Amino acid sequence: MKDVQPGFVSFFNTPDYRLVLGLGNTGFGFQKRFGFRIDMRNQNSYYYESDFRQGEIDGFTTLDAQVSYKFTATRSILKLGATNLTNKYYQTGFGNPQIGGIYYLSFGYNVF
């Protein structure tokens, strides 16, 4: 940044690194009806600043996973999954809620 006034506070509040590693397959097994996806998300700690509060936000690592099954006759898919499978609570900013696991079951009709 150029020509920054003294006392300017950016409030960018972003970590230096975020990493997502994933592996998935959308068609294997009997008639290629099964699928899966697994992702590991990592974020390092960073200094958080706002009018509300300043301080270090801890880094975190979470694991997301999903399995699926295709019903070819109805062109439908059933998915069972989790975001933050281990339910490890983490925070992305002061004053923000802590985020735990989210688990879901979904059914899509006429999707392929």
N, C-alpha and C. Protein backbone atom coordinates (compact mmCIF):
# COMPACT_ATOMS: atom_id res chain seq x y z
N MET A 1 0.84 -1.17 0.00
CA MET A 1 0.00 0.00 0.00
C MET A 1 0.89 1.24 0.00
N LYS A 2 0.53 2.20 -0.78
CA LYS A 2 1.30 3.44 -0.89
C LYS A 2 0.53 4.59 -0.26
N ASP A 3 1.26 5.58 0.19
CA ASP A 3 0.68 6.81 0.74
C ASP A 3 -0.31 6.54 1.87
N VAL A 4 0.07 5.69 2.81
CA VAL A 4 -0.80 5.35 3.93
C VAL A 4 -0.65 6.41 5.01
N GLN A 5 -1.77 6.91 5.49
CA GLN A 5 -1.77 7.93 6.53
C GLN A 5 -1.32 7.32 7.86
N PRO A 6 -0.60 8.05 8.69
CA PRO A 6 -0.23 7.54 10.02
C PRO A 6 -1.49 7.20 10.82
N GLY A 7 -1.45 6.08 11.52
CA GLY A 7 -2.59 5.66 12.32
C GLY A 7 -3.65 4.89 11.55
N PHE A 8 -3.45 4.70 10.24
CA PHE A 8 -4.42 3.95 9.44
C PHE A 8 -4.43 2.49 9.88
N VAL A 9 -5.61 1.93 10.10
CA VAL A 9 -5.76 0.53 10.47
C VAL A 9 -6.55 -0.15 9.37
N SER A 10 -5.98 -1.20 8.80
CA SER A 10 -6.61 -1.84 7.63
C SER A 10 -7.74 -2.78 7.98
N PHE A 11 -7.67 -3.46 9.11
CA PHE A 11 -8.64 -4.48 9.50
C PHE A 11 -8.78 -5.57 8.44
N PHE A 12 -7.66 -5.94 7.78
CA PHE A 12 -7.73 -7.01 6.78
C PHE A 12 -8.11 -8.34 7.42
N ASN A 13 -7.55 -8.65 8.57
CA ASN A 13 -7.94 -9.83 9.34
C ASN A 13 -7.96 -11.11 8.52
N THR A 14 -6.87 -11.41 7.87
CA THR A 14 -6.77 -12.64 7.09
C THR A 14 -5.51 -13.39 7.48
N PRO A 15 -5.58 -14.71 7.51
CA PRO A 15 -4.38 -15.50 7.82
C PRO A 15 -3.40 -15.47 6.65
N ASP A 16 -2.15 -15.74 6.95
CA ASP A 16 -1.15 -15.81 5.89
C ASP A 16 -1.39 -17.00 4.97
N TYR A 17 -1.85 -18.11 5.56
CA TYR A 17 -2.02 -19.33 4.77
C TYR A 17 -3.35 -20.01 5.06
N ARG A 18 -3.96 -20.50 4.00
CA ARG A 18 -5.11 -21.41 4.08
C ARG A 18 -4.80 -22.55 3.14
N LEU A 19 -5.09 -23.76 3.57
CA LEU A 19 -4.77 -24.93 2.77
C LEU A 19 -5.97 -25.87 2.75
N VAL A 20 -6.31 -26.37 1.58
CA VAL A 20 -7.35 -27.38 1.46
C VAL A 20 -6.78 -28.53 0.63
N LEU A 21 -6.80 -29.73 1.20
CA LEU A 21 -6.39 -30.93 0.49
C LEU A 21 -7.61 -31.84 0.40
N GLY A 22 -7.88 -32.35 -0.79
CA GLY A 22 -9.07 -33.17 -0.96
C GLY A 22 -8.86 -34.34 -1.88
N LEU A 23 -9.71 -35.33 -1.71
CA LEU A 23 -9.71 -36.52 -2.55
C LEU A 23 -11.15 -36.95 -2.72
N GLY A 24 -11.53 -37.29 -3.94
CA GLY A 24 -12.89 -37.71 -4.18
C GLY A 24 -13.02 -38.56 -5.42
N ASN A 25 -14.15 -39.24 -5.51
CA ASN A 25 -14.47 -40.05 -6.67
C ASN A 25 -15.99 -40.07 -6.79
N THR A 26 -16.51 -39.81 -7.98
CA THR A 26 -17.96 -39.74 -8.16
C THR A 26 -18.55 -40.96 -8.84
N GLY A 27 -17.76 -41.98 -9.09
CA GLY A 27 -18.33 -43.16 -9.73
C GLY A 27 -17.45 -44.38 -9.58
N PHE A 28 -17.74 -45.22 -8.60
CA PHE A 28 -17.01 -46.48 -8.44
C PHE A 28 -17.96 -47.52 -7.88
N GLY A 29 -17.49 -48.74 -7.81
CA GLY A 29 -18.29 -49.83 -7.26
C GLY A 29 -19.34 -50.31 -8.26
N PHE A 30 -20.39 -50.94 -7.75
CA PHE A 30 -21.46 -51.51 -8.56
C PHE A 30 -22.05 -50.46 -9.49
N GLN A 31 -21.89 -50.66 -10.78
CA GLN A 31 -22.39 -49.76 -11.83
C GLN A 31 -21.99 -48.30 -11.60
N LYS A 32 -20.87 -48.11 -10.94
CA LYS A 32 -20.34 -46.76 -10.66
C LYS A 32 -21.37 -45.88 -9.95
N ARG A 33 -22.06 -46.45 -8.99
CA ARG A 33 -23.11 -45.72 -8.27
C ARG A 33 -22.63 -45.05 -6.99
N PHE A 34 -21.49 -45.46 -6.48
CA PHE A 34 -21.00 -44.91 -5.21
C PHE A 34 -20.04 -43.75 -5.45
N GLY A 35 -19.99 -42.85 -4.50
CA GLY A 35 -19.07 -41.73 -4.55
C GLY A 35 -18.64 -41.33 -3.16
N PHE A 36 -17.54 -40.59 -3.09
CA PHE A 36 -17.07 -40.08 -1.81
C PHE A 36 -16.27 -38.81 -2.03
N ARG A 37 -16.10 -38.06 -0.97
CA ARG A 37 -15.24 -36.87 -0.98
C ARG A 37 -14.74 -36.66 0.44
N ILE A 38 -13.47 -36.38 0.58
CA ILE A 38 -12.89 -36.07 1.88
C ILE A 38 -11.95 -34.87 1.69
N ASP A 39 -12.07 -33.90 2.57
CA ASP A 39 -11.26 -32.68 2.50
C ASP A 39 -10.70 -32.35 3.88
N MET A 40 -9.45 -31.94 3.91
CA MET A 40 -8.83 -31.42 5.11
C MET A 40 -8.60 -29.93 4.88
N ARG A 41 -9.12 -29.10 5.78
CA ARG A 41 -8.94 -27.64 5.67
C ARG A 41 -8.09 -27.16 6.84
N ASN A 42 -7.10 -26.34 6.54
CA ASN A 42 -6.20 -25.82 7.56
C ASN A 42 -6.05 -24.32 7.39
N GLN A 43 -6.03 -23.62 8.50
CA GLN A 43 -5.80 -22.18 8.49
C GLN A 43 -4.87 -21.85 9.65
N ASN A 44 -3.81 -21.08 9.39
CA ASN A 44 -2.89 -20.74 10.47
C ASN A 44 -3.46 -19.60 11.32
N SER A 45 -2.83 -19.38 12.47
CA SER A 45 -3.27 -18.30 13.36
C SER A 45 -2.91 -16.95 12.73
N TYR A 46 -3.60 -15.92 13.18
CA TYR A 46 -3.33 -14.58 12.67
C TYR A 46 -3.77 -13.53 13.69
N TYR A 47 -3.24 -12.35 13.52
CA TYR A 47 -3.58 -11.24 14.41
C TYR A 47 -4.86 -10.58 13.91
N TYR A 48 -5.85 -10.51 14.76
CA TYR A 48 -7.16 -9.95 14.42
C TYR A 48 -7.29 -8.59 15.08
N GLU A 49 -7.75 -7.61 14.32
CA GLU A 49 -7.96 -6.28 14.90
C GLU A 49 -9.26 -5.68 14.39
N SER A 50 -9.96 -5.05 15.32
CA SER A 50 -11.21 -4.35 14.99
C SER A 50 -11.44 -3.29 16.06
N ASP A 51 -12.49 -2.53 15.89
CA ASP A 51 -12.85 -1.56 16.92
C ASP A 51 -13.29 -2.27 18.20
N PHE A 52 -13.74 -3.51 18.05
CA PHE A 52 -14.25 -4.29 19.18
C PHE A 52 -13.13 -4.85 20.04
N ARG A 53 -12.14 -5.48 19.37
CA ARG A 53 -11.06 -6.14 20.11
C ARG A 53 -9.91 -6.48 19.17
N GLN A 54 -8.73 -6.60 19.75
CA GLN A 54 -7.55 -7.03 19.01
C GLN A 54 -6.94 -8.23 19.71
N GLY A 55 -6.30 -9.10 18.93
CA GLY A 55 -5.62 -10.25 19.52
C GLY A 55 -5.40 -11.35 18.51
N GLU A 56 -4.79 -12.42 18.99
CA GLU A 56 -4.44 -13.56 18.14
C GLU A 56 -5.63 -14.52 18.03
N ILE A 57 -5.97 -14.88 16.80
CA ILE A 57 -6.99 -15.91 16.53
C ILE A 57 -6.24 -17.21 16.27
N ASP A 58 -6.61 -18.25 16.98
CA ASP A 58 -5.94 -19.54 16.84
C ASP A 58 -6.17 -20.15 15.46
N GLY A 59 -5.18 -20.87 14.97
CA GLY A 59 -5.34 -21.64 13.75
C GLY A 59 -6.18 -22.88 14.01
N PHE A 60 -6.62 -23.52 12.95
CA PHE A 60 -7.44 -24.73 13.11
C PHE A 60 -7.30 -25.63 11.89
N THR A 61 -7.64 -26.88 12.09
CA THR A 61 -7.69 -27.87 11.02
C THR A 61 -9.00 -28.63 11.17
N THR A 62 -9.74 -28.78 10.08
CA THR A 62 -10.99 -29.53 10.11
C THR A 62 -10.99 -30.59 9.02
N LEU A 63 -11.87 -31.55 9.19
CA LEU A 63 -12.01 -32.64 8.24
C LEU A 63 -13.46 -32.68 7.77
N ASP A 64 -13.67 -32.63 6.45
CA ASP A 64 -15.01 -32.72 5.86
C ASP A 64 -15.09 -34.04 5.09
N ALA A 65 -16.25 -34.68 5.12
CA ALA A 65 -16.40 -35.96 4.42
C ALA A 65 -17.82 -36.11 3.90
N GLN A 66 -17.94 -36.85 2.80
CA GLN A 66 -19.25 -37.10 2.20
C GLN A 66 -19.21 -38.43 1.46
N VAL A 67 -20.30 -39.19 1.55
CA VAL A 67 -20.49 -40.40 0.75
C VAL A 67 -21.80 -40.23 -0.01
N SER A 68 -21.88 -40.86 -1.18
CA SER A 68 -23.08 -40.71 -2.00
C SER A 68 -23.42 -42.01 -2.71
N TYR A 69 -24.68 -42.11 -3.09
CA TYR A 69 -25.16 -43.25 -3.86
C TYR A 69 -26.13 -42.74 -4.92
N LYS A 70 -25.92 -43.19 -6.17
CA LYS A 70 -26.77 -42.77 -7.28
C LYS A 70 -27.87 -43.81 -7.53
N PHE A 71 -29.10 -43.32 -7.70
CA PHE A 71 -30.22 -44.15 -8.12
C PHE A 71 -30.45 -43.85 -9.60
N THR A 72 -29.94 -44.71 -10.46
CA THR A 72 -29.95 -44.41 -11.89
C THR A 72 -31.35 -44.41 -12.48
N ALA A 73 -32.26 -45.24 -11.98
CA ALA A 73 -33.61 -45.31 -12.55
C ALA A 73 -34.36 -43.99 -12.40
N THR A 74 -34.14 -43.30 -11.30
CA THR A 74 -34.83 -42.02 -11.06
C THR A 74 -33.89 -40.82 -11.25
N ARG A 75 -32.68 -41.09 -11.71
CA ARG A 75 -31.67 -40.05 -11.91
C ARG A 75 -31.51 -39.19 -10.65
N SER A 76 -31.40 -39.88 -9.52
CA SER A 76 -31.34 -39.21 -8.21
C SER A 76 -30.05 -39.59 -7.49
N ILE A 77 -29.74 -38.82 -6.47
CA ILE A 77 -28.55 -39.09 -5.67
C ILE A 77 -28.84 -38.82 -4.19
N LEU A 78 -28.35 -39.70 -3.35
CA LEU A 78 -28.48 -39.57 -1.90
C LEU A 78 -27.08 -39.31 -1.34
N LYS A 79 -26.96 -38.27 -0.51
CA LYS A 79 -25.66 -37.90 0.06
C LYS A 79 -25.76 -37.82 1.58
N LEU A 80 -24.73 -38.32 2.24
CA LEU A 80 -24.58 -38.22 3.68
C LEU A 80 -23.21 -37.61 3.93
N GLY A 81 -23.16 -36.54 4.71
CA GLY A 81 -21.88 -35.88 4.88
C GLY A 81 -21.78 -35.06 6.14
N ALA A 82 -20.58 -34.51 6.31
CA ALA A 82 -20.29 -33.67 7.47
C ALA A 82 -19.26 -32.62 7.10
N THR A 83 -19.49 -31.42 7.58
CA THR A 83 -18.50 -30.36 7.54
C THR A 83 -17.96 -30.23 8.95
N ASN A 84 -16.65 -30.31 9.12
CA ASN A 84 -16.01 -30.36 10.44
C ASN A 84 -16.46 -31.63 11.16
N LEU A 85 -16.15 -32.75 10.56
CA LEU A 85 -16.57 -34.07 11.03
C LEU A 85 -16.21 -34.33 12.49
N THR A 86 -15.06 -33.86 12.94
CA THR A 86 -14.62 -34.11 14.32
C THR A 86 -15.27 -33.17 15.34
N ASN A 87 -16.08 -32.23 14.87
CA ASN A 87 -16.81 -31.30 15.73
C ASN A 87 -15.87 -30.47 16.62
N LYS A 88 -14.68 -30.16 16.10
CA LYS A 88 -13.74 -29.30 16.83
C LYS A 88 -14.17 -27.85 16.63
N TYR A 89 -14.47 -27.17 17.72
CA TYR A 89 -14.94 -25.79 17.63
C TYR A 89 -13.78 -24.85 17.33
N TYR A 90 -14.02 -23.89 16.44
CA TYR A 90 -13.01 -22.90 16.12
C TYR A 90 -13.69 -21.56 15.90
N GLN A 91 -12.89 -20.51 15.94
CA GLN A 91 -13.42 -19.15 15.82
C GLN A 91 -12.65 -18.42 14.73
N THR A 92 -13.35 -17.60 13.95
CA THR A 92 -12.72 -16.87 12.86
C THR A 92 -12.56 -15.39 13.16
N GLY A 93 -13.04 -14.93 14.30
CA GLY A 93 -12.90 -13.54 14.69
C GLY A 93 -13.48 -13.31 16.07
N PHE A 94 -13.00 -12.31 16.78
CA PHE A 94 -13.56 -11.99 18.10
C PHE A 94 -14.99 -11.49 17.94
N GLY A 95 -15.86 -11.99 18.80
CA GLY A 95 -17.27 -11.63 18.72
C GLY A 95 -18.05 -12.55 17.79
N ASN A 96 -17.35 -13.35 17.00
CA ASN A 96 -18.02 -14.31 16.12
C ASN A 96 -18.34 -15.58 16.90
N PRO A 97 -19.36 -16.31 16.51
CA PRO A 97 -19.65 -17.57 17.20
C PRO A 97 -18.58 -18.61 16.90
N GLN A 98 -18.43 -19.57 17.81
CA GLN A 98 -17.56 -20.70 17.53
C GLN A 98 -18.33 -21.68 16.67
N ILE A 99 -17.65 -22.23 15.69
CA ILE A 99 -18.29 -23.08 14.70
C ILE A 99 -17.93 -24.53 14.99
N GLY A 100 -18.94 -25.37 15.09
CA GLY A 100 -18.72 -26.80 15.31
C GLY A 100 -19.06 -27.58 14.05
N GLY A 101 -19.39 -28.85 14.22
CA GLY A 101 -19.71 -29.72 13.10
C GLY A 101 -21.11 -29.48 12.56
N ILE A 102 -21.25 -29.68 11.26
CA ILE A 102 -22.55 -29.64 10.59
C ILE A 102 -22.70 -30.96 9.85
N TYR A 103 -23.78 -31.66 10.11
CA TYR A 103 -24.01 -32.97 9.52
C TYR A 103 -25.27 -32.91 8.68
N TYR A 104 -25.26 -33.59 7.55
CA TYR A 104 -26.39 -33.46 6.64
C TYR A 104 -26.69 -34.75 5.88
N LEU A 105 -27.93 -34.83 5.44
CA LEU A 105 -28.42 -35.88 4.56
C LEU A 105 -29.18 -35.15 3.46
N SER A 106 -28.85 -35.42 2.21
CA SER A 106 -29.55 -34.74 1.12
C SER A 106 -29.98 -35.74 0.06
N PHE A 107 -31.05 -35.36 -0.62
CA PHE A 107 -31.56 -36.17 -1.72
C PHE A 107 -31.84 -35.24 -2.88
N GLY A 108 -31.24 -35.54 -4.02
CA GLY A 108 -31.47 -34.75 -5.23
C GLY A 108 -32.19 -35.60 -6.26
N TYR A 109 -33.27 -35.09 -6.79
CA TYR A 109 -34.08 -35.82 -7.76
C TYR A 109 -33.86 -35.24 -9.15
N ASN A 110 -33.70 -36.13 -10.14
CA ASN A 110 -33.56 -35.74 -11.54
C ASN A 110 -32.35 -34.81 -11.74
N VAL A 111 -31.20 -35.22 -11.22
CA VAL A 111 -30.01 -34.36 -11.24
C VAL A 111 -28.96 -34.77 -12.27
N PHE A 112 -29.12 -35.94 -12.89
CA PHE A 112 -28.13 -36.32 -13.91
C PHE A 112 -28.80 -37.08 -15.02
